[in-house]
Amino acid sequence: MDIHCELFGTLGCHLCETAEQVLQPFVAQGLIVELRDIIDSADWLERYALTIPVLRRIDNGQELNWPFTEHEVYQLLHQPADH
């Protein structure tokens, strides 16, 4: 799997920790997930403050807002990059 994603969240976010657990099987298969703390960017803070955790594909910008399931992550990862 050669897909890179970002997981937007923040420290102390229990939902973010749960989202990381949902992503673990995909990481084990080679998915690269970069953890992004929304506090590091005013734009991220404004955009995601009320919706974290949010999983975003870097190649096409598609996003999944929490709550998401393994099935929904699978669908996100198996869509064409230009979708």
N, C-alpha and C. Protein backbone atom coordinates (compact mmCIF):
# COMPACT_ATOMS: atom_id res chain seq x y z
N MET A 1 0.86 -1.18 0.00
CA MET A 1 0.00 0.00 0.00
C MET A 1 0.90 1.23 0.00
N ASP A 2 0.75 2.05 -1.02
CA ASP A 2 1.61 3.22 -1.15
C ASP A 2 0.77 4.50 -1.04
N ILE A 3 0.02 4.59 0.03
CA ILE A 3 -0.85 5.74 0.25
C ILE A 3 -0.42 6.44 1.52
N HIS A 4 -0.40 7.76 1.46
CA HIS A 4 -0.05 8.57 2.61
C HIS A 4 -1.29 9.34 3.06
N CYS A 5 -1.51 9.35 4.36
CA CYS A 5 -2.63 10.08 4.93
C CYS A 5 -2.15 10.94 6.09
N GLU A 6 -2.98 11.90 6.44
CA GLU A 6 -2.76 12.71 7.63
C GLU A 6 -3.94 12.46 8.56
N LEU A 7 -3.66 12.37 9.85
CA LEU A 7 -4.72 12.28 10.84
C LEU A 7 -4.65 13.55 11.67
N PHE A 8 -5.66 14.39 11.50
CA PHE A 8 -5.71 15.64 12.24
C PHE A 8 -6.37 15.41 13.59
N GLY A 9 -5.71 15.88 14.63
CA GLY A 9 -6.21 15.73 15.99
C GLY A 9 -5.47 16.67 16.90
N THR A 10 -5.45 16.36 18.19
CA THR A 10 -4.69 17.14 19.14
C THR A 10 -4.40 16.28 20.36
N LEU A 11 -3.45 16.71 21.17
CA LEU A 11 -3.09 15.96 22.36
C LEU A 11 -4.27 15.88 23.31
N GLY A 12 -4.41 14.74 23.96
CA GLY A 12 -5.48 14.56 24.94
C GLY A 12 -6.84 14.29 24.34
N CYS A 13 -6.90 14.08 23.03
CA CYS A 13 -8.17 13.81 22.34
C CYS A 13 -8.39 12.29 22.35
N HIS A 14 -9.33 11.84 23.17
CA HIS A 14 -9.56 10.40 23.29
C HIS A 14 -10.14 9.81 22.00
N LEU A 15 -10.94 10.59 21.30
CA LEU A 15 -11.46 10.11 20.02
C LEU A 15 -10.33 9.93 19.01
N CYS A 16 -9.33 10.80 19.08
CA CYS A 16 -8.18 10.70 18.18
C CYS A 16 -7.41 9.41 18.45
N GLU A 17 -7.28 9.06 19.72
CA GLU A 17 -6.60 7.82 20.09
C GLU A 17 -7.39 6.62 19.57
N THR A 18 -8.71 6.69 19.65
CA THR A 18 -9.55 5.61 19.12
C THR A 18 -9.39 5.51 17.61
N ALA A 19 -9.34 6.65 16.93
CA ALA A 19 -9.15 6.66 15.48
C ALA A 19 -7.82 6.01 15.10
N GLU A 20 -6.78 6.29 15.88
CA GLU A 20 -5.48 5.66 15.62
C GLU A 20 -5.58 4.14 15.72
N GLN A 21 -6.39 3.65 16.66
CA GLN A 21 -6.57 2.20 16.80
C GLN A 21 -7.29 1.62 15.59
N VAL A 22 -8.28 2.35 15.07
CA VAL A 22 -8.99 1.90 13.87
C VAL A 22 -8.02 1.80 12.69
N LEU A 23 -7.05 2.70 12.64
CA LEU A 23 -6.10 2.73 11.52
C LEU A 23 -4.98 1.71 11.63
N GLN A 24 -4.77 1.13 12.80
CA GLN A 24 -3.64 0.22 13.01
C GLN A 24 -3.55 -0.93 12.01
N PRO A 25 -4.66 -1.61 11.67
CA PRO A 25 -4.53 -2.70 10.68
C PRO A 25 -4.03 -2.21 9.33
N PHE A 26 -4.38 -1.00 8.95
CA PHE A 26 -3.94 -0.44 7.68
C PHE A 26 -2.46 -0.04 7.74
N VAL A 27 -2.05 0.49 8.88
CA VAL A 27 -0.64 0.83 9.09
C VAL A 27 0.20 -0.44 9.02
N ALA A 28 -0.31 -1.51 9.59
CA ALA A 28 0.39 -2.80 9.55
C ALA A 28 0.57 -3.30 8.12
N GLN A 29 -0.31 -2.86 7.21
CA GLN A 29 -0.23 -3.25 5.80
C GLN A 29 0.55 -2.24 4.96
N GLY A 30 1.13 -1.22 5.61
CA GLY A 30 1.98 -0.29 4.89
C GLY A 30 1.44 1.12 4.72
N LEU A 31 0.23 1.39 5.21
CA LEU A 31 -0.30 2.76 5.13
C LEU A 31 0.56 3.68 5.98
N ILE A 32 0.90 4.81 5.43
CA ILE A 32 1.66 5.81 6.19
C ILE A 32 0.67 6.88 6.66
N VAL A 33 0.61 7.07 7.98
CA VAL A 33 -0.27 8.07 8.57
C VAL A 33 0.58 9.05 9.35
N GLU A 34 0.52 10.31 8.92
CA GLU A 34 1.23 11.37 9.63
C GLU A 34 0.25 12.03 10.60
N LEU A 35 0.60 12.05 11.87
CA LEU A 35 -0.25 12.68 12.87
C LEU A 35 -0.03 14.19 12.83
N ARG A 36 -1.11 14.93 12.69
CA ARG A 36 -1.05 16.39 12.62
C ARG A 36 -1.82 16.98 13.79
N ASP A 37 -1.13 17.76 14.61
CA ASP A 37 -1.79 18.42 15.73
C ASP A 37 -2.36 19.75 15.22
N ILE A 38 -3.67 19.91 15.31
CA ILE A 38 -4.30 21.11 14.75
C ILE A 38 -3.82 22.38 15.44
N ILE A 39 -3.25 22.25 16.61
CA ILE A 39 -2.75 23.42 17.34
C ILE A 39 -1.53 24.03 16.63
N ASP A 40 -0.90 23.24 15.73
CA ASP A 40 0.31 23.70 15.03
C ASP A 40 0.01 24.66 13.87
N SER A 41 -1.24 24.81 13.50
CA SER A 41 -1.59 25.65 12.35
C SER A 41 -2.92 26.34 12.60
N ALA A 42 -2.95 27.63 12.43
CA ALA A 42 -4.20 28.38 12.60
C ALA A 42 -5.25 27.90 11.59
N ASP A 43 -4.81 27.56 10.38
CA ASP A 43 -5.74 27.06 9.37
C ASP A 43 -6.35 25.73 9.79
N TRP A 44 -5.50 24.81 10.28
CA TRP A 44 -6.01 23.51 10.73
C TRP A 44 -6.95 23.69 11.91
N LEU A 45 -6.58 24.57 12.83
CA LEU A 45 -7.39 24.80 14.02
C LEU A 45 -8.77 25.30 13.61
N GLU A 46 -8.80 26.27 12.70
CA GLU A 46 -10.08 26.81 12.24
C GLU A 46 -10.90 25.77 11.51
N ARG A 47 -10.22 24.99 10.66
CA ARG A 47 -10.95 24.03 9.82
C ARG A 47 -11.43 22.79 10.58
N TYR A 48 -10.60 22.29 11.52
CA TYR A 48 -10.89 20.99 12.12
C TYR A 48 -11.25 21.01 13.60
N ALA A 49 -11.27 22.16 14.24
CA ALA A 49 -11.46 22.23 15.69
C ALA A 49 -12.70 21.47 16.17
N LEU A 50 -13.77 21.50 15.40
CA LEU A 50 -15.02 20.88 15.84
C LEU A 50 -15.25 19.51 15.22
N THR A 51 -14.30 19.03 14.39
CA THR A 51 -14.55 17.77 13.68
C THR A 51 -13.49 16.70 13.92
N ILE A 52 -12.43 17.02 14.70
CA ILE A 52 -11.36 16.02 14.88
C ILE A 52 -11.90 14.79 15.60
N PRO A 53 -11.31 13.65 15.30
CA PRO A 53 -10.24 13.40 14.33
C PRO A 53 -10.75 13.36 12.90
N VAL A 54 -9.88 13.77 11.99
CA VAL A 54 -10.19 13.75 10.56
C VAL A 54 -9.02 13.07 9.85
N LEU A 55 -9.35 12.07 9.03
CA LEU A 55 -8.35 11.38 8.21
C LEU A 55 -8.40 11.96 6.81
N ARG A 56 -7.25 12.36 6.29
CA ARG A 56 -7.18 13.00 4.97
C ARG A 56 -6.13 12.32 4.11
N ARG A 57 -6.54 11.93 2.89
CA ARG A 57 -5.58 11.41 1.92
C ARG A 57 -4.78 12.57 1.37
N ILE A 58 -3.47 12.44 1.36
CA ILE A 58 -2.62 13.53 0.88
C ILE A 58 -2.71 13.66 -0.64
N ASP A 59 -2.82 12.55 -1.36
CA ASP A 59 -2.78 12.61 -2.82
C ASP A 59 -4.01 13.24 -3.46
N ASN A 60 -5.18 13.10 -2.83
CA ASN A 60 -6.38 13.64 -3.47
C ASN A 60 -7.22 14.53 -2.54
N GLY A 61 -6.81 14.66 -1.29
CA GLY A 61 -7.50 15.56 -0.38
C GLY A 61 -8.81 15.05 0.19
N GLN A 62 -9.19 13.82 -0.14
CA GLN A 62 -10.43 13.28 0.40
C GLN A 62 -10.30 13.10 1.90
N GLU A 63 -11.39 13.38 2.61
CA GLU A 63 -11.38 13.34 4.06
C GLU A 63 -12.49 12.46 4.61
N LEU A 64 -12.20 11.88 5.76
CA LEU A 64 -13.19 11.15 6.56
C LEU A 64 -13.25 11.81 7.92
N ASN A 65 -14.44 12.26 8.29
CA ASN A 65 -14.63 12.80 9.63
C ASN A 65 -15.02 11.68 10.58
N TRP A 66 -14.64 11.83 11.83
CA TRP A 66 -15.01 10.87 12.86
C TRP A 66 -16.50 10.98 13.11
N PRO A 67 -17.20 9.88 13.38
CA PRO A 67 -16.65 8.54 13.53
C PRO A 67 -16.53 7.84 12.18
N PHE A 68 -15.41 7.11 12.01
CA PHE A 68 -15.26 6.29 10.81
C PHE A 68 -14.91 4.87 11.21
N THR A 69 -15.31 3.95 10.35
CA THR A 69 -15.10 2.52 10.59
C THR A 69 -13.95 2.02 9.72
N GLU A 70 -13.49 0.82 10.00
CA GLU A 70 -12.46 0.21 9.15
C GLU A 70 -12.95 0.10 7.72
N HIS A 71 -14.22 -0.23 7.55
CA HIS A 71 -14.78 -0.35 6.20
C HIS A 71 -14.72 0.99 5.46
N GLU A 72 -15.06 2.08 6.13
CA GLU A 72 -15.01 3.39 5.50
C GLU A 72 -13.57 3.79 5.16
N VAL A 73 -12.62 3.45 6.02
CA VAL A 73 -11.21 3.71 5.74
C VAL A 73 -10.78 2.90 4.51
N TYR A 74 -11.18 1.64 4.46
CA TYR A 74 -10.86 0.79 3.32
C TYR A 74 -11.37 1.43 2.03
N GLN A 75 -12.62 1.90 2.05
CA GLN A 75 -13.19 2.53 0.85
C GLN A 75 -12.41 3.78 0.45
N LEU A 76 -12.03 4.58 1.43
CA LEU A 76 -11.24 5.79 1.14
C LEU A 76 -9.92 5.43 0.49
N LEU A 77 -9.28 4.39 1.01
CA LEU A 77 -7.95 4.02 0.53
C LEU A 77 -7.97 3.33 -0.83
N HIS A 78 -9.11 2.79 -1.22
CA HIS A 78 -9.17 2.04 -2.48
C HIS A 78 -9.90 2.78 -3.58
N GLN A 79 -10.09 4.09 -3.39
CA GLN A 79 -10.62 4.91 -4.46
C GLN A 79 -9.44 5.42 -5.28
N PRO A 80 -9.66 5.67 -6.56
CA PRO A 80 -8.58 6.21 -7.38
C PRO A 80 -8.10 7.54 -6.81
N ALA A 81 -6.82 7.80 -6.98
CA ALA A 81 -6.22 9.02 -6.44
C ALA A 81 -6.84 10.28 -7.03
N ASP A 82 -7.35 10.20 -8.25
CA ASP A 82 -7.91 11.39 -8.89
C ASP A 82 -9.41 11.51 -8.67
N HIS A 83 -9.98 10.66 -7.82
CA HIS A 83 -11.43 10.66 -7.56
C HIS A 83 -11.85 11.86 -6.77
